[in-house]
């Protein structure tokens, strides 16, 4: 069983595509938790997300919480299941994603997949390692696409003190240094949207990586 977390500050205009891609999964043992953070209580963004709430989809009005890491840490407390998948609201899953990854849940702590970019950079497949990546040097590149990840809930924690935009990379490095096992499915099972407001293009994102690497490897 997998809890799917969709944290939202920007990007509410993409919610129908992302939620629909979870509903379309051939693996049906999931729940969705949508967390609206950084907006006033009962904001228009929250009201728009609330439309999707049902017995399998929870929508949280986290108006007292700011930042993606803090939002994810708060959302974890509402998860019913032992595995957590992240889906950024502007990304889309292939219908087979969770089914393919579910085969590896008993053997690995973090399971990702390959992806393809769309939007401002159509049809580009980023260079990431695939299959068992425990021997891969995590200093070279962030090896796990955030919206592809499934992680054991008990090891999930996002550092709320670091720059938002590299919180996922921070967690992957920390977990790998703790001995957790990683796997990337070679199939392209995520469409990662590239646009000017996305975290990928946020000002300062790449500038935060050297400090992050120094934190763990100095």
Protein backbone atom coordinates (compact mmCIF):
# COMPACT_ATOMS: atom_id res chain seq x y z
CA UNK A 1 0.00 0.00 0.00
CA UNK A 2 1.37 3.40 -1.01
CA UNK A 3 0.58 6.92 0.23
CA UNK A 4 1.00 9.50 -2.53
CA UNK A 5 1.97 12.98 -1.32
CA UNK A 6 1.20 16.00 -3.51
CA UNK A 7 2.46 19.18 -1.79
CA UNK A 8 1.16 22.37 -3.42
CA UNK A 9 2.25 25.97 -3.16
CA UNK A 10 2.48 26.90 -6.83
CA UNK A 11 1.06 24.89 -9.72
CA UNK A 12 -2.57 24.37 -8.74
CA UNK A 13 -3.44 24.76 -12.43
CA UNK A 14 -1.87 21.34 -13.06
CA UNK A 15 -3.73 19.44 -10.32
CA UNK A 16 -6.21 17.70 -12.60
CA UNK A 17 -3.43 16.15 -14.69
CA UNK A 18 -1.40 14.94 -11.72
CA UNK A 19 -4.29 13.55 -9.69
CA UNK A 20 -5.80 11.91 -12.76
CA UNK A 21 -2.48 10.15 -13.43
CA UNK A 22 -2.67 8.54 -9.97
CA UNK A 23 -6.29 7.53 -10.39
CA UNK A 24 -5.34 5.88 -13.70
CA UNK A 25 -2.72 3.60 -12.07
CA UNK A 26 -3.08 -0.11 -12.79
CA UNK A 27 -1.82 -0.70 -9.22
CA UNK A 28 -4.78 0.32 -7.08
CA UNK A 29 -3.48 0.07 -3.50
CA UNK A 30 -2.92 3.78 -2.96
CA UNK A 31 -4.20 6.88 -1.19
CA UNK A 32 -3.52 10.52 -2.08
CA UNK A 33 -2.72 13.25 0.42
CA UNK A 34 -2.73 16.78 -1.02
CA UNK A 35 -1.21 19.46 1.20
CA UNK A 36 -1.76 23.17 0.50
CA UNK A 37 0.96 25.20 2.22
CA UNK A 38 2.02 28.84 2.30
CA UNK A 39 -1.47 30.23 1.61
CA UNK A 40 -4.03 31.88 3.92
CA UNK A 41 -6.58 29.66 5.62
CA UNK A 42 -9.33 28.40 3.27
CA UNK A 43 -7.57 30.01 0.31
CA UNK A 44 -8.76 29.77 -3.27
CA UNK A 45 -5.95 27.24 -3.90
CA UNK A 46 -7.24 25.05 -1.06
CA UNK A 47 -10.82 25.33 -2.30
CA UNK A 48 -9.75 24.28 -5.79
CA UNK A 49 -7.91 21.24 -4.42
CA UNK A 50 -10.79 20.35 -2.07
CA UNK A 51 -12.90 19.47 -5.09
CA UNK A 52 -10.84 16.29 -5.48
CA UNK A 53 -11.38 15.02 -1.92
CA UNK A 54 -13.09 11.66 -1.47
CA UNK A 55 -12.59 8.47 0.55
CA UNK A 56 -9.15 7.90 -1.04
CA UNK A 57 -7.98 11.50 -1.38
CA UNK A 58 -7.34 13.78 1.62
CA UNK A 59 -6.84 17.53 1.17
CA UNK A 60 -5.06 19.35 3.99
CA UNK A 61 -5.21 23.12 4.57
CA UNK A 62 -1.72 23.63 6.01
CA UNK A 63 -1.97 27.43 6.22
CA UNK A 64 0.42 27.61 9.19
CA UNK A 65 3.19 25.79 7.32
CA UNK A 66 5.67 27.34 4.90
CA UNK A 67 8.19 25.50 2.75
CA UNK A 68 8.08 22.18 0.94
CA UNK A 69 10.15 20.27 3.50
CA UNK A 70 7.94 21.33 6.40
CA UNK A 71 4.85 20.50 4.35
CA UNK A 72 6.08 17.01 3.53
CA UNK A 73 7.05 16.30 7.13
CA UNK A 74 3.56 17.36 8.24
CA UNK A 75 1.86 15.31 5.52
CA UNK A 76 3.72 12.15 6.58
CA UNK A 77 1.71 12.18 9.81
CA UNK A 78 -1.48 11.65 7.79
CA UNK A 79 -0.19 8.65 5.81
CA UNK A 80 -1.98 5.36 6.39
CA UNK A 81 0.57 3.16 4.63
CA UNK A 82 4.22 2.13 5.00
CA UNK A 83 5.47 3.49 1.67
CA UNK A 84 5.44 7.11 0.50
CA UNK A 85 5.46 8.28 -3.11
CA UNK A 86 6.05 11.93 -4.04
CA UNK A 87 4.28 13.56 -6.96
CA UNK A 88 4.97 17.22 -7.69
CA UNK A 89 1.71 18.72 -8.88
CA UNK A 90 3.14 19.74 -12.25
CA UNK A 91 4.34 16.20 -13.09
CA UNK A 92 2.47 13.19 -14.50
CA UNK A 93 2.77 9.44 -13.94
CA UNK A 94 2.56 6.65 -16.50
CA UNK A 95 -0.34 4.28 -15.64
CA UNK A 96 2.09 1.41 -14.96
CA UNK A 97 4.38 3.34 -12.60
CA UNK A 98 3.31 2.04 -9.21
CA UNK A 99 2.78 -1.51 -10.48
CA UNK A 100 6.34 -1.69 -11.87
CA UNK A 101 7.86 -0.23 -8.71
CA UNK A 102 5.81 -2.39 -6.36
CA UNK A 103 7.91 -5.42 -7.36
CA UNK A 104 10.93 -3.88 -5.62
CA UNK A 105 9.36 -2.65 -2.37
CA UNK A 106 10.59 -5.59 -0.29
CA UNK A 107 14.18 -5.34 -1.55
CA UNK A 108 14.95 -1.60 -1.55
CA UNK A 109 14.35 1.42 0.66
CA UNK A 110 14.04 3.98 -2.16
CA UNK A 111 12.75 3.09 -5.62
CA UNK A 112 12.75 5.60 -8.48
CA UNK A 113 12.20 5.40 -12.22
CA UNK A 114 13.52 7.00 -15.35
CA UNK A 115 11.65 10.02 -16.67
CA UNK A 116 11.20 12.28 -19.66
CA UNK A 117 10.96 16.07 -19.62
CA UNK A 118 8.12 17.95 -21.26
CA UNK A 119 6.89 21.52 -21.38
CA UNK A 120 9.72 23.96 -22.10
CA UNK A 121 12.11 21.08 -22.89
CA UNK A 122 10.16 18.41 -24.74
CA UNK A 123 11.31 14.80 -25.10
CA UNK A 124 14.58 15.02 -23.16
CA UNK A 125 15.54 12.01 -21.03
CA UNK A 126 17.95 13.06 -18.27
CA UNK A 127 21.05 11.00 -17.61
CA UNK A 128 20.54 9.13 -14.35
CA UNK A 129 21.80 5.70 -13.22
CA UNK A 130 19.33 2.81 -13.43
CA UNK A 131 18.80 -0.60 -11.81
CA UNK A 132 20.63 -1.15 -8.51
CA UNK A 133 22.43 2.17 -7.87
CA UNK A 134 24.04 1.44 -4.51
CA UNK A 135 27.53 1.63 -6.02
CA UNK A 136 26.77 4.93 -7.78
CA UNK A 137 28.55 8.05 -6.51
CA UNK A 138 25.73 10.30 -5.29
CA UNK A 139 28.07 13.31 -5.44
CA UNK A 140 27.97 13.25 -9.25
CA UNK A 141 24.28 13.99 -9.74
CA UNK A 142 20.96 13.67 -7.94
CA UNK A 143 20.17 10.07 -8.97
CA UNK A 144 16.47 9.95 -8.02
CA UNK A 145 13.78 11.92 -9.85
CA UNK A 146 11.65 13.38 -7.05
CA UNK A 147 8.28 12.59 -8.64
CA UNK A 148 9.40 9.04 -9.34
CA UNK A 149 10.35 8.16 -5.77
CA UNK A 150 8.78 5.63 -3.42
CA UNK A 151 10.40 5.54 0.04
CA UNK A 152 9.78 3.59 3.22
CA UNK A 153 7.77 5.93 5.44
CA UNK A 154 9.82 5.21 8.55
CA UNK A 155 12.96 6.73 6.99
CA UNK A 156 11.34 9.82 5.46
CA UNK A 157 12.44 13.17 6.83
CA UNK A 158 13.10 16.36 4.87
CA UNK A 159 15.54 18.86 6.39
CA UNK A 160 13.57 22.07 6.92
CA UNK A 161 16.68 24.21 7.31
CA UNK A 162 18.01 23.85 3.76
CA UNK A 163 17.10 25.64 0.55
CA UNK A 164 13.81 24.43 -0.92
CA UNK A 165 14.61 22.85 -4.27
CA UNK A 166 17.32 20.45 -3.12
CA UNK A 167 15.46 18.92 -0.17
CA UNK A 168 15.07 15.65 -2.08
CA UNK A 169 18.78 15.42 -2.98
CA UNK A 170 19.63 16.11 0.66
CA UNK A 171 17.47 13.21 1.81
CA UNK A 172 18.84 10.77 -0.78
CA UNK A 173 22.44 11.50 0.22
CA UNK A 174 21.66 11.22 3.92
CA UNK A 175 19.83 7.92 3.46
CA UNK A 176 22.56 6.46 1.27
CA UNK A 177 25.22 7.35 3.85
CA UNK A 178 23.04 5.58 6.42
CA UNK A 179 23.18 2.42 4.32
CA UNK A 180 19.74 2.51 2.73
CA UNK A 181 19.32 0.66 -0.57
CA UNK A 182 18.38 2.42 -3.82
CA UNK A 183 16.97 1.21 -7.15
CA UNK A 184 15.90 3.03 -10.32
CA UNK A 185 13.53 1.28 -12.72
CA UNK A 186 14.90 1.83 -16.24
CA UNK A 187 11.43 2.38 -17.71
CA UNK A 188 10.31 5.96 -18.38
CA UNK A 189 7.35 6.16 -16.01
CA UNK A 190 7.25 9.88 -15.12
CA UNK A 191 6.77 12.99 -17.23
CA UNK A 192 8.59 15.85 -15.50
CA UNK A 193 7.28 19.26 -16.54
CA UNK A 194 9.90 21.93 -17.19
CA UNK A 195 8.55 25.47 -16.96
CA UNK A 196 9.71 28.80 -15.56
CA UNK A 197 7.86 28.43 -12.23
CA UNK A 198 9.00 24.86 -11.56
CA UNK A 199 11.50 23.99 -8.84
CA UNK A 200 13.85 22.84 -11.59
CA UNK A 201 14.15 26.45 -12.77
CA UNK A 202 13.96 28.18 -9.39
CA UNK A 203 16.64 30.82 -8.92
CA UNK A 204 19.41 29.52 -6.73
CA UNK A 205 18.57 25.83 -7.11
CA UNK A 206 21.87 24.79 -8.67
CA UNK A 207 23.78 27.24 -6.51
CA UNK A 208 22.62 25.31 -3.43
CA UNK A 209 24.18 22.02 -4.54
CA UNK A 210 27.86 22.77 -3.64
CA UNK A 211 26.89 23.66 -0.06
CA UNK A 212 24.78 20.52 0.13
CA UNK A 213 27.67 18.32 -1.00
CA UNK A 214 30.04 20.04 1.40
CA UNK A 215 27.60 19.32 4.23
CA UNK A 216 27.98 15.56 3.72
CA UNK A 217 31.37 15.07 2.07
CA UNK A 218 33.67 17.71 3.54
